Amino acid sequence: MRHRSLSSVLVVMAVFAVAPPMLAQTSPPSGAANAARDLSGFWAQARVEGRTQDPLSRRFSEEQPPLQPWAMELFRANRGPAGLANPNLNGSDELDPRNNCFPAGVPRLMLFGPFQIVQIPDQVLILHEQDNAVRRIYMDGRGHPEGFPPSWKGHSIGRWDGDTLVVDTVALTDRKWLDRIGTPHSEELHVVERYRRVNHETLEVTLTFEDPKAFTRPWGGKKLFTLRPNFEMLEDLVCDERYVMEKKPGVRPRFEAE
């Protein structure tokens, strides 16, 4: 009996002796890989020759949005008297949901800055100065819930593709504009963002929009952001800005004055 027990102990010791290499295969990514996936920090739109990059300061792409006929008609109405002559102008102030105290929403929030990325276990948070908005991107492998009610920021889930954070967002209300020039969309809008740190100072975000009701085909654009390590987040509420501007003519919101 004692001989057989000793043999069993030797077998168990042999199993544990080969276990470490197996555990090593499932260990977390290396330090370099973790560094590439570190998107944390304060970010603001990149500048070109002293001013916000154009045309991305107000829209996502140089191309005109590929709109279905009904959406094109609404787009023209949203543009106001300026029509399509100057695509870099904002849409009609009277029709802009933000000028009626509604949030900018996703993806339009990206056209206002700055924002802070905070990475915590199972979530990535994007804290926007505009509207004091907080986006929660779930990284725990869940899918989009069935019947999630449309909202200004929708429902976002994320995953890593190498060093790129891929964010998938649905359930976005059609009460908002896609951008700052009045591009409409339906509640079928599906936004995919790809966040990649090009270098320590630069964050690249590529966006793709799908909405068969409003767009004739998928389309999108790209934005660049610069790290602002010494930045401090302020409170930026659109209706508060309007109140100040009405009381103090000539005062401009900070995101326009920069």
C-alpha atoms as a PDB file:
ATOM      1  CA  MET A   1       0.000   0.000   0.000  1.00  0.00           C
ATOM      2  CA  ARG A   2       2.747   2.432   0.961  1.00  0.00           C
ATOM      3  CA  HIS A   3       4.582   1.612  -2.300  1.00  0.00           C
ATOM      4  CA  ARG A   4       1.453   2.412  -4.354  1.00  0.00           C
ATOM      5  CA  SER A   5       0.900   5.706  -2.468  1.00  0.00           C
ATOM      6  CA  LEU A   6       4.447   6.801  -3.186  1.00  0.00           C
ATOM      7  CA  SER A   7       3.910   6.066  -6.880  1.00  0.00           C
ATOM      8  CA  SER A   8       0.758   8.208  -6.891  1.00  0.00           C
ATOM      9  CA  VAL A   9       2.635  11.112  -5.319  1.00  0.00           C
ATOM     10  CA  LEU A  10       5.338  10.850  -7.962  1.00  0.00           C
ATOM     11  CA  VAL A  11       2.698  10.930 -10.731  1.00  0.00           C
ATOM     12  CA  VAL A  12       1.062  14.070  -9.272  1.00  0.00           C
ATOM     13  CA  MET A  13       4.462  15.764  -8.966  1.00  0.00           C
ATOM     14  CA  ALA A  14       5.191  14.958 -12.612  1.00  0.00           C
ATOM     15  CA  VAL A  15       1.874  16.548 -13.727  1.00  0.00           C
ATOM     16  CA  PHE A  16       2.619  19.782 -11.855  1.00  0.00           C
ATOM     17  CA  ALA A  17       6.135  19.788 -13.283  1.00  0.00           C
ATOM     18  CA  VAL A  18       4.780  20.201 -16.850  1.00  0.00           C
ATOM     19  CA  ALA A  19       1.956  22.592 -15.903  1.00  0.00           C
ATOM     20  CA  PRO A  20       3.876  25.925 -16.032  1.00  0.00           C
ATOM     21  CA  PRO A  21       4.451  25.900 -19.828  1.00  0.00           C
ATOM     22  CA  MET A  22       0.706  25.315 -20.368  1.00  0.00           C
ATOM     23  CA  LEU A  23      -0.193  28.247 -18.109  1.00  0.00           C
ATOM     24  CA  ALA A  24       2.314  30.459 -19.905  1.00  0.00           C
ATOM     25  CA  GLN A  25       0.392  30.019 -23.162  1.00  0.00           C
ATOM     26  CA  THR A  26      -2.710  31.664 -21.641  1.00  0.00           C
ATOM     27  CA  SER A  27      -0.941  34.516 -19.863  1.00  0.00           C
ATOM     28  CA  PRO A  28      -1.912  38.188 -20.543  1.00  0.00           C
ATOM     29  CA  PRO A  29      -0.359  40.083 -23.469  1.00  0.00           C
ATOM     30  CA  SER A  30       3.224  41.286 -23.114  1.00  0.00           C
ATOM     31  CA  GLY A  31       4.079  44.730 -21.800  1.00  0.00           C
ATOM     32  CA  ALA A  32       4.460  46.065 -25.349  1.00  0.00           C
ATOM     33  CA  ALA A  33       1.027  44.760 -26.339  1.00  0.00           C
ATOM     34  CA  ASN A  34      -0.558  46.291 -23.247  1.00  0.00           C
ATOM     35  CA  ALA A  35       1.112  49.634 -23.996  1.00  0.00           C
ATOM     36  CA  ALA A  36      -0.320  49.613 -27.531  1.00  0.00           C
ATOM     37  CA  ARG A  37      -3.786  49.070 -26.048  1.00  0.00           C
ATOM     38  CA  ASP A  38      -3.460  51.972 -23.633  1.00  0.00           C
ATOM     39  CA  LEU A  39      -5.725  54.697 -25.031  1.00  0.00           C
ATOM     40  CA  SER A  40      -6.149  56.530 -21.740  1.00  0.00           C
ATOM     41  CA  GLY A  41      -5.730  60.281 -21.490  1.00  0.00           C
ATOM     42  CA  PHE A  42      -7.285  63.571 -22.597  1.00  0.00           C
ATOM     43  CA  TRP A  43      -7.667  63.986 -26.364  1.00  0.00           C
ATOM     44  CA  ALA A  44      -8.601  66.951 -28.577  1.00  0.00           C
ATOM     45  CA  GLN A  45      -8.965  67.348 -32.328  1.00  0.00           C
ATOM     46  CA  ALA A  46      -5.639  67.538 -34.123  1.00  0.00           C
ATOM     47  CA  ARG A  47      -4.646  70.895 -35.553  1.00  0.00           C
ATOM     48  CA  VAL A  48      -3.460  71.653 -39.069  1.00  0.00           C
ATOM     49  CA  GLU A  49      -1.529  74.908 -39.567  1.00  0.00           C
ATOM     50  CA  GLY A  50      -2.889  76.449 -36.400  1.00  0.00           C
ATOM     51  CA  ARG A  51      -6.555  75.555 -36.796  1.00  0.00           C
ATOM     52  CA  THR A  52      -8.849  72.586 -36.376  1.00  0.00           C
ATOM     53  CA  GLN A  53      -8.493  70.179 -39.269  1.00  0.00           C
ATOM     54  CA  ASP A  54     -10.933  70.839 -42.081  1.00  0.00           C
ATOM     55  CA  PRO A  55     -13.444  69.494 -42.965  1.00  0.00           C
ATOM     56  CA  LEU A  56     -13.467  67.139 -39.974  1.00  0.00           C
ATOM     57  CA  SER A  57     -14.216  69.937 -37.527  1.00  0.00           C
ATOM     58  CA  ARG A  58     -17.865  69.860 -38.627  1.00  0.00           C
ATOM     59  CA  ARG A  59     -18.280  66.607 -40.534  1.00  0.00           C
ATOM     60  CA  PHE A  60     -16.649  63.222 -40.890  1.00  0.00           C
ATOM     61  CA  SER A  61     -15.787  63.087 -44.574  1.00  0.00           C
ATOM     62  CA  GLU A  62     -15.065  65.360 -47.509  1.00  0.00           C
ATOM     63  CA  GLU A  63     -17.631  63.483 -49.573  1.00  0.00           C
ATOM     64  CA  GLN A  64     -21.293  64.422 -49.469  1.00  0.00           C
ATOM     65  CA  PRO A  65     -23.329  61.932 -47.404  1.00  0.00           C
ATOM     66  CA  PRO A  66     -24.797  59.236 -49.725  1.00  0.00           C
ATOM     67  CA  LEU A  67     -28.401  59.919 -48.751  1.00  0.00           C
ATOM     68  CA  GLN A  68     -31.659  58.276 -49.757  1.00  0.00           C
ATOM     69  CA  PRO A  69     -34.107  60.727 -51.418  1.00  0.00           C
ATOM     70  CA  TRP A  70     -36.148  61.437 -48.268  1.00  0.00           C
ATOM     71  CA  ALA A  71     -32.957  61.935 -46.244  1.00  0.00           C
ATOM     72  CA  MET A  72     -31.509  64.279 -48.877  1.00  0.00           C
ATOM     73  CA  GLU A  73     -34.671  66.378 -48.745  1.00  0.00           C
ATOM     74  CA  LEU A  74     -34.403  66.601 -44.953  1.00  0.00           C
ATOM     75  CA  PHE A  75     -30.680  67.344 -45.211  1.00  0.00           C
ATOM     76  CA  ARG A  76     -31.363  70.304 -47.502  1.00  0.00           C
ATOM     77  CA  ALA A  77     -33.969  71.590 -45.069  1.00  0.00           C
ATOM     78  CA  ASN A  78     -31.558  71.188 -42.147  1.00  0.00           C
ATOM     79  CA  ARG A  79     -28.910  73.137 -44.028  1.00  0.00           C
ATOM     80  CA  GLY A  80     -31.130  76.206 -44.053  1.00  0.00           C
ATOM     81  CA  PRO A  81     -30.629  79.119 -46.483  1.00  0.00           C
ATOM     82  CA  ALA A  82     -26.956  78.180 -47.022  1.00  0.00           C
ATOM     83  CA  GLY A  83     -28.063  74.995 -48.748  1.00  0.00           C
ATOM     84  CA  LEU A  84     -25.193  72.853 -49.992  1.00  0.00           C
ATOM     85  CA  ALA A  85     -23.077  75.764 -51.191  1.00  0.00           C
ATOM     86  CA  ASN A  86     -20.745  75.663 -48.190  1.00  0.00           C
ATOM     87  CA  PRO A  87     -20.596  72.180 -46.634  1.00  0.00           C
ATOM     88  CA  ASN A  88     -18.336  73.439 -43.823  1.00  0.00           C
ATOM     89  CA  LEU A  89     -21.027  75.686 -42.369  1.00  0.00           C
ATOM     90  CA  ASN A  90     -23.241  74.480 -39.580  1.00  0.00           C
ATOM     91  CA  GLY A  91     -26.832  73.640 -40.385  1.00  0.00           C
ATOM     92  CA  SER A  92     -29.733  75.958 -39.621  1.00  0.00           C
ATOM     93  CA  ASP A  93     -29.499  77.192 -36.025  1.00  0.00           C
ATOM     94  CA  GLU A  94     -33.260  76.971 -35.572  1.00  0.00           C
ATOM     95  CA  LEU A  95     -33.404  73.299 -36.578  1.00  0.00           C
ATOM     96  CA  ASP A  96     -30.232  72.071 -34.889  1.00  0.00           C
ATOM     97  CA  PRO A  97     -31.301  69.757 -32.010  1.00  0.00           C
ATOM     98  CA  ARG A  98     -28.374  70.987 -29.896  1.00  0.00           C
ATOM     99  CA  ASN A  99     -29.601  74.560 -30.184  1.00  0.00           C
ATOM    100  CA  ASN A 100     -32.866  73.307 -28.746  1.00  0.00           C
ATOM    101  CA  CYS A 101     -31.064  71.917 -25.694  1.00  0.00           C
ATOM    102  CA  PHE A 102     -30.809  68.300 -26.864  1.00  0.00           C
ATOM    103  CA  PRO A 103     -27.523  66.344 -26.533  1.00  0.00           C
ATOM    104  CA  ALA A 104     -25.115  66.012 -29.434  1.00  0.00           C
ATOM    105  CA  GLY A 105     -25.234  62.217 -29.195  1.00  0.00           C
ATOM    106  CA  VAL A 106     -23.131  59.579 -30.944  1.00  0.00           C
ATOM    107  CA  PRO A 107     -21.247  59.985 -33.241  1.00  0.00           C
ATOM    108  CA  ARG A 108     -21.620  63.783 -33.315  1.00  0.00           C
ATOM    109  CA  LEU A 109     -20.013  64.088 -29.869  1.00  0.00           C
ATOM    110  CA  MET A 110     -16.710  63.298 -31.561  1.00  0.00           C
ATOM    111  CA  LEU A 111     -16.902  66.592 -33.468  1.00  0.00           C
ATOM    112  CA  PHE A 112     -16.771  68.510 -30.207  1.00  0.00           C
ATOM    113  CA  GLY A 113     -13.869  68.127 -27.922  1.00  0.00           C
ATOM    114  CA  PRO A 114     -12.062  67.382 -25.845  1.00  0.00           C
ATOM    115  CA  PHE A 115     -12.742  64.010 -24.257  1.00  0.00           C
ATOM    116  CA  GLN A 116     -11.046  61.628 -21.855  1.00  0.00           C
ATOM    117  CA  ILE A 117     -10.652  57.860 -22.296  1.00  0.00           C
ATOM    118  CA  VAL A 118     -10.643  55.806 -19.100  1.00  0.00           C
ATOM    119  CA  GLN A 119     -10.030  52.041 -19.248  1.00  0.00           C
ATOM    120  CA  ILE A 120     -11.331  49.914 -16.390  1.00  0.00           C
ATOM    121  CA  PRO A 121     -11.931  46.142 -16.153  1.00  0.00           C
ATOM    122  CA  ASP A 122     -14.605  45.070 -18.657  1.00  0.00           C
ATOM    123  CA  GLN A 123     -15.378  48.651 -19.763  1.00  0.00           C
ATOM    124  CA  VAL A 124     -13.921  51.592 -21.651  1.00  0.00           C
ATOM    125  CA  LEU A 125     -15.367  54.956 -20.628  1.00  0.00           C
ATOM    126  CA  ILE A 126     -15.278  58.028 -22.868  1.00  0.00           C
ATOM    127  CA  LEU A 127     -15.936  61.203 -20.867  1.00  0.00           C
ATOM    128  CA  HIS A 128     -16.855  64.134 -23.100  1.00  0.00           C
ATOM    129  CA  GLU A 129     -16.615  67.736 -22.018  1.00  0.00           C
ATOM    130  CA  GLN A 130     -19.548  68.467 -24.333  1.00  0.00           C
ATOM    131  CA  ASP A 131     -22.860  67.849 -22.520  1.00  0.00           C
ATOM    132  CA  ASN A 132     -20.882  66.176 -19.681  1.00  0.00           C
ATOM    133  CA  ALA A 133     -21.628  62.984 -21.653  1.00  0.00           C
ATOM    134  CA  VAL A 134     -20.357  59.585 -20.537  1.00  0.00           C
ATOM    135  CA  ARG A 135     -20.132  56.686 -22.990  1.00  0.00           C
ATOM    136  CA  ARG A 136     -19.872  53.159 -21.637  1.00  0.00           C
ATOM    137  CA  ILE A 137     -18.305  50.610 -23.968  1.00  0.00           C
ATOM    138  CA  TYR A 138     -18.757  47.087 -22.625  1.00  0.00           C
ATOM    139  CA  MET A 139     -15.715  44.855 -23.121  1.00  0.00           C
ATOM    140  CA  ASP A 140     -16.962  41.696 -21.369  1.00  0.00           C
ATOM    141  CA  GLY A 141     -18.058  39.857 -24.508  1.00  0.00           C
ATOM    142  CA  ARG A 142     -21.754  40.664 -24.273  1.00  0.00           C
ATOM    143  CA  GLY A 143     -23.835  41.392 -27.370  1.00  0.00           C
ATOM    144  CA  HIS A 144     -26.404  44.121 -27.950  1.00  0.00           C
ATOM    145  CA  PRO A 145     -29.541  43.447 -25.860  1.00  0.00           C
ATOM    146  CA  GLU A 146     -32.773  42.734 -27.680  1.00  0.00           C
ATOM    147  CA  GLY A 147     -35.146  45.676 -27.759  1.00  0.00           C
ATOM    148  CA  PHE A 148     -32.732  48.228 -26.285  1.00  0.00           C
ATOM    149  CA  PRO A 149     -34.551  51.606 -26.452  1.00  0.00           C
ATOM    150  CA  PRO A 150     -33.064  54.154 -28.893  1.00  0.00           C
ATOM    151  CA  SER A 151     -31.108  56.885 -27.101  1.00  0.00           C
ATOM    152  CA  TRP A 152     -28.643  59.705 -27.769  1.00  0.00           C
ATOM    153  CA  LYS A 153     -25.568  57.558 -27.125  1.00  0.00           C
ATOM    154  CA  GLY A 154     -27.050  54.162 -28.016  1.00  0.00           C
ATOM    155  CA  HIS A 155     -25.611  50.853 -26.811  1.00  0.00           C
ATOM    156  CA  SER A 156     -21.886  50.227 -27.353  1.00  0.00           C
ATOM    157  CA  ILE A 157     -19.842  47.038 -27.135  1.00  0.00           C
ATOM    158  CA  GLY A 158     -16.136  46.712 -27.857  1.00  0.00           C
ATOM    159  CA  ARG A 159     -13.337  44.277 -28.582  1.00  0.00           C
ATOM    160  CA  TRP A 160      -9.642  44.417 -29.390  1.00  0.00           C
ATOM    161  CA  ASP A 161      -8.377  43.704 -32.897  1.00  0.00           C
ATOM    162  CA  GLY A 162      -4.633  43.665 -32.286  1.00  0.00           C
ATOM    163  CA  ASP A 163      -3.810  47.178 -31.058  1.00  0.00           C
ATOM    164  CA  THR A 164      -7.143  48.623 -32.311  1.00  0.00           C
ATOM    165  CA  LEU A 165     -10.237  49.066 -30.157  1.00  0.00           C
ATOM    166  CA  VAL A 166     -13.304  48.258 -32.266  1.00  0.00           C
ATOM    167  CA  VAL A 167     -16.525  49.807 -30.935  1.00  0.00           C
ATOM    168  CA  ASP A 168     -19.935  48.729 -32.257  1.00  0.00           C
ATOM    169  CA  THR A 169     -22.892  51.011 -31.480  1.00  0.00           C
ATOM    170  CA  VAL A 170     -26.610  50.596 -32.240  1.00  0.00           C
ATOM    171  CA  ALA A 171     -29.957  51.804 -30.819  1.00  0.00           C
ATOM    172  CA  LEU A 172     -29.383  55.478 -31.675  1.00  0.00           C
ATOM    173  CA  THR A 173     -32.327  57.860 -31.727  1.00  0.00           C
ATOM    174  CA  ASP A 174     -33.156  59.554 -35.030  1.00  0.00           C
ATOM    175  CA  ARG A 175     -33.947  62.808 -33.203  1.00  0.00           C
ATOM    176  CA  LYS A 176     -30.348  63.995 -33.590  1.00  0.00           C
ATOM    177  CA  TRP A 177     -28.030  64.942 -36.433  1.00  0.00           C
ATOM    178  CA  LEU A 178     -25.141  62.695 -37.414  1.00  0.00           C
ATOM    179  CA  ASP A 179     -22.764  65.671 -37.671  1.00  0.00           C
ATOM    180  CA  ARG A 180     -22.719  69.475 -37.393  1.00  0.00           C
ATOM    181  CA  ILE A 181     -23.965  70.122 -40.945  1.00  0.00           C
ATOM    182  CA  GLY A 182     -27.400  68.527 -40.531  1.00  0.00           C
ATOM    183  CA  THR A 183     -26.969  64.970 -41.876  1.00  0.00           C
ATOM    184  CA  PRO A 184     -30.016  62.943 -40.792  1.00  0.00           C
ATOM    185  CA  HIS A 185     -30.252  59.222 -40.078  1.00  0.00           C
ATOM    186  CA  SER A 186     -32.850  56.663 -38.991  1.00  0.00           C
ATOM    187  CA  GLU A 187     -32.975  54.478 -35.881  1.00  0.00           C
ATOM    188  CA  GLU A 188     -31.295  51.737 -37.923  1.00  0.00           C
ATOM    189  CA  LEU A 189     -27.987  53.629 -37.795  1.00  0.00           C
ATOM    190  CA  HIS A 190     -25.088  51.302 -37.013  1.00  0.00           C
ATOM    191  CA  VAL A 191     -21.778  52.964 -36.120  1.00  0.00           C
ATOM    192  CA  VAL A 192     -18.425  51.161 -36.014  1.00  0.00           C
ATOM    193  CA  GLU A 193     -15.432  53.060 -34.617  1.00  0.00           C
ATOM    194  CA  ARG A 194     -11.832  51.874 -34.684  1.00  0.00           C
ATOM    195  CA  TYR A 195      -9.546  53.571 -32.145  1.00  0.00           C
ATOM    196  CA  ARG A 196      -5.798  53.182 -32.670  1.00  0.00           C
ATOM    197  CA  ARG A 197      -2.905  54.975 -31.029  1.00  0.00           C
ATOM    198  CA  VAL A 198      -0.681  55.838 -33.987  1.00  0.00           C
ATOM    199  CA  ASN A 199       2.011  57.062 -31.606  1.00  0.00           C
ATOM    200  CA  HIS A 200       2.123  58.328 -28.045  1.00  0.00           C
ATOM    201  CA  GLU A 201       0.759  61.751 -29.032  1.00  0.00           C
ATOM    202  CA  THR A 202      -1.776  60.779 -31.707  1.00  0.00           C
ATOM    203  CA  LEU A 203      -5.069  58.876 -31.628  1.00  0.00           C
ATOM    204  CA  GLU A 204      -6.693  57.833 -34.912  1.00  0.00           C
ATOM    205  CA  VAL A 205     -10.409  57.053 -35.049  1.00  0.00           C
ATOM    206  CA  THR A 206     -11.912  55.558 -38.209  1.00  0.00           C
ATOM    207  CA  LEU A 207     -15.714  55.579 -38.429  1.00  0.00           C
ATOM    208  CA  THR A 208     -18.121  53.591 -40.599  1.00  0.00           C
ATOM    209  CA  PHE A 209     -21.856  54.371 -40.821  1.00  0.00           C
ATOM    210  CA  GLU A 210     -24.472  51.894 -42.015  1.00  0.00           C
ATOM    211  CA  ASP A 211     -28.145  52.799 -42.291  1.00  0.00           C
ATOM    212  CA  PRO A 212     -30.026  51.329 -45.269  1.00  0.00           C
ATOM    213  CA  LYS A 213     -33.056  53.514 -44.559  1.00  0.00           C
ATOM    214  CA  ALA A 214     -31.119  56.792 -44.733  1.00  0.00           C
ATOM    215  CA  PHE A 215     -27.953  55.982 -46.746  1.00  0.00           C
ATOM    216  CA  THR A 216     -27.574  54.411 -50.171  1.00  0.00           C
ATOM    217  CA  ARG A 217     -24.391  52.623 -49.022  1.00  0.00           C
ATOM    218  CA  PRO A 218     -22.064  52.376 -46.013  1.00  0.00           C
ATOM    219  CA  TRP A 219     -19.736  55.364 -45.673  1.00  0.00           C
ATOM    220  CA  GLY A 220     -17.598  57.082 -43.074  1.00  0.00           C
ATOM    221  CA  GLY A 221     -14.426  58.986 -42.369  1.00  0.00           C
ATOM    222  CA  LYS A 222     -11.389  59.402 -40.145  1.00  0.00           C
ATOM    223  CA  LYS A 223     -10.449  61.772 -37.332  1.00  0.00           C
ATOM    224  CA  LEU A 224      -7.142  62.486 -35.595  1.00  0.00           C
ATOM    225  CA  PHE A 225      -6.753  63.599 -31.989  1.00  0.00           C
ATOM    226  CA  THR A 226      -3.777  64.947 -30.073  1.00  0.00           C
ATOM    227  CA  LEU A 227      -2.904  64.022 -26.499  1.00  0.00           C
ATOM    228  CA  ARG A 228      -3.434  66.868 -24.004  1.00  0.00           C
ATOM    229  CA  PRO A 229      -1.649  65.610 -20.846  1.00  0.00           C
ATOM    230  CA  ASN A 230      -2.181  68.793 -18.797  1.00  0.00           C
ATOM    231  CA  PHE A 231      -5.817  69.326 -19.705  1.00  0.00           C
ATOM    232  CA  GLU A 232      -8.556  69.719 -17.101  1.00  0.00           C
ATOM    233  CA  MET A 233     -12.157  68.923 -18.005  1.00  0.00           C
ATOM    234  CA  LEU A 234     -14.660  71.781 -17.743  1.00  0.00           C
ATOM    235  CA  GLU A 235     -18.443  71.830 -17.762  1.00  0.00           C
ATOM    236  CA  ASP A 236     -19.818  72.525 -21.233  1.00  0.00           C
ATOM    237  CA  LEU A 237     -23.598  72.660 -21.583  1.00  0.00           C
ATOM    238  CA  VAL A 238     -25.130  73.987 -24.781  1.00  0.00           C
ATOM    239  CA  CYS A 239     -28.093  75.740 -23.160  1.00  0.00           C
ATOM    240  CA  ASP A 240     -25.809  77.359 -20.616  1.00  0.00           C
ATOM    241  CA  GLU A 241     -23.691  78.664 -23.510  1.00  0.00           C
ATOM    242  CA  ARG A 242     -26.762  80.082 -25.235  1.00  0.00           C
ATOM    243  CA  TYR A 243     -27.802  81.846 -22.048  1.00  0.00           C
ATOM    244  CA  VAL A 244     -24.363  83.433 -21.685  1.00  0.00           C
ATOM    245  CA  MET A 245     -24.306  84.510 -25.334  1.00  0.00           C
ATOM    246  CA  GLU A 246     -27.746  86.109 -25.038  1.00  0.00           C
ATOM    247  CA  LYS A 247     -26.768  87.937 -21.852  1.00  0.00           C
ATOM    248  CA  LYS A 248     -23.277  88.862 -23.074  1.00  0.00           C
ATOM    249  CA  PRO A 249     -23.269  89.503 -26.849  1.00  0.00           C
ATOM    250  CA  GLY A 250     -20.012  88.616 -28.550  1.00  0.00           C
ATOM    251  CA  VAL A 251     -19.071  85.849 -26.141  1.00  0.00           C
ATOM    252  CA  ARG A 252     -18.407  82.622 -28.039  1.00  0.00           C
ATOM    253  CA  PRO A 253     -18.438  79.047 -26.726  1.00  0.00           C
ATOM    254  CA  ARG A 254     -14.954  77.732 -26.004  1.00  0.00           C
ATOM    255  CA  PHE A 255     -15.038  74.979 -28.619  1.00  0.00           C
ATOM    256  CA  GLU A 256     -15.635  77.590 -31.352  1.00  0.00           C
ATOM    257  CA  ALA A 257     -13.194  80.170 -30.046  1.00  0.00           C
ATOM    258  CA  GLU A 258     -10.219  77.784 -30.061  1.00  0.00           C
END
